Amino acid sequence: MTLQQLRLDKGYTLAELAELSGLSLGRIGNWEAWSRDPRPKTARDPLLMSVQSALRLSSALDVSLDVLAECLTSDASR
């Protein structure tokens, strides 16, 4: 499962997730773009996400850090 799939499964738009998490829409979009092939030049490696951002994102998505990490790891290995 990718970060984008996790977000969509929760029924959130990028804007809604950004508002819920307190993270920027662009940053979340870049993390989601990381899983696309080819990666856009603007995409940021989600594995470099700060712990604070990971906590905010996992809380907004109502998932554990383990689940979020699995999504980020599967995104990066594509």
Protein backbone atom coordinates (compact mmCIF):
# COMPACT_ATOMS: atom_id res chain seq x y z
CA MET A 1 0.00 0.00 0.00
CA THR A 2 1.28 3.48 -0.81
CA LEU A 3 0.82 6.69 1.14
CA GLN A 4 -1.64 7.88 -1.50
CA GLN A 5 -3.67 4.67 -1.23
CA LEU A 6 -3.74 5.01 2.54
CA ARG A 7 -5.02 8.59 2.23
CA LEU A 8 -7.65 7.62 -0.32
CA ASP A 9 -8.79 4.66 1.79
CA LYS A 10 -9.45 7.14 4.61
CA GLY A 11 -11.47 9.27 2.17
CA TYR A 12 -9.26 12.37 2.42
CA THR A 13 -8.23 14.78 -0.27
CA LEU A 14 -4.69 16.13 -0.13
CA ALA A 15 -6.07 19.41 1.20
CA GLU A 16 -8.03 17.67 3.95
CA LEU A 17 -5.04 15.62 5.05
CA ALA A 18 -2.85 18.71 5.04
CA GLU A 19 -5.33 20.54 7.24
CA LEU A 20 -5.75 17.59 9.63
CA SER A 21 -2.02 16.99 9.96
CA GLY A 22 -0.81 20.58 9.97
CA LEU A 23 1.60 19.70 7.15
CA SER A 24 1.71 21.48 3.83
CA LEU A 25 -0.28 20.16 0.91
CA GLY A 26 2.83 20.41 -1.27
CA ARG A 27 4.95 18.36 1.11
CA ILE A 28 2.38 15.56 1.33
CA GLY A 29 1.96 15.67 -2.45
CA ASN A 30 5.72 15.35 -2.89
CA TRP A 31 5.84 12.35 -0.58
CA GLU A 32 3.04 10.72 -2.55
CA ALA A 33 4.76 11.54 -5.84
CA TRP A 34 7.85 9.65 -4.68
CA SER A 35 6.07 6.36 -5.48
CA ARG A 36 5.38 7.32 -9.10
CA ASP A 37 7.58 6.18 -11.92
CA PRO A 38 9.31 8.24 -13.16
CA ARG A 39 9.56 10.39 -10.05
CA PRO A 40 8.93 14.09 -10.58
CA LYS A 41 12.01 16.23 -9.95
CA THR A 42 10.13 17.93 -7.12
CA ALA A 43 9.41 14.69 -5.24
CA ARG A 44 11.02 14.35 -1.84
CA ASP A 45 12.10 11.04 -0.38
CA PRO A 46 9.50 10.28 2.32
CA LEU A 47 12.06 8.25 4.24
CA LEU A 48 13.72 11.56 5.10
CA MET A 49 10.53 12.74 6.83
CA SER A 50 11.05 14.11 10.33
CA VAL A 51 9.72 12.20 13.30
CA GLN A 52 7.42 15.14 14.05
CA SER A 53 5.95 14.99 10.53
CA ALA A 54 5.55 11.22 10.77
CA LEU A 55 3.70 11.58 14.07
CA ARG A 56 1.40 14.25 12.63
CA LEU A 57 0.69 12.22 9.52
CA SER A 58 0.07 8.96 11.35
CA SER A 59 -2.24 10.73 13.79
CA ALA A 60 -4.22 12.42 10.99
CA LEU A 61 -4.55 9.11 9.15
CA ASP A 62 -5.34 7.28 12.42
CA VAL A 63 -2.69 4.64 11.81
CA SER A 64 0.33 3.51 13.80
CA LEU A 65 3.82 4.63 12.92
CA ASP A 66 4.46 1.02 11.88
CA VAL A 67 1.69 1.15 9.28
CA LEU A 68 2.90 4.53 8.01
CA ALA A 69 6.48 3.20 7.80
CA GLU A 70 5.30 0.18 5.81
CA CYS A 71 3.56 2.48 3.34
CA LEU A 72 6.63 4.70 3.01
CA THR A 73 8.94 1.72 2.63
CA SER A 74 6.77 0.13 -0.03
CA ASP A 75 6.63 3.50 -1.82
CA ALA A 76 10.41 3.83 -1.83
CA SER A 77 11.07 0.31 -3.04
CA ARG A 78 9.03 0.67 -6.22
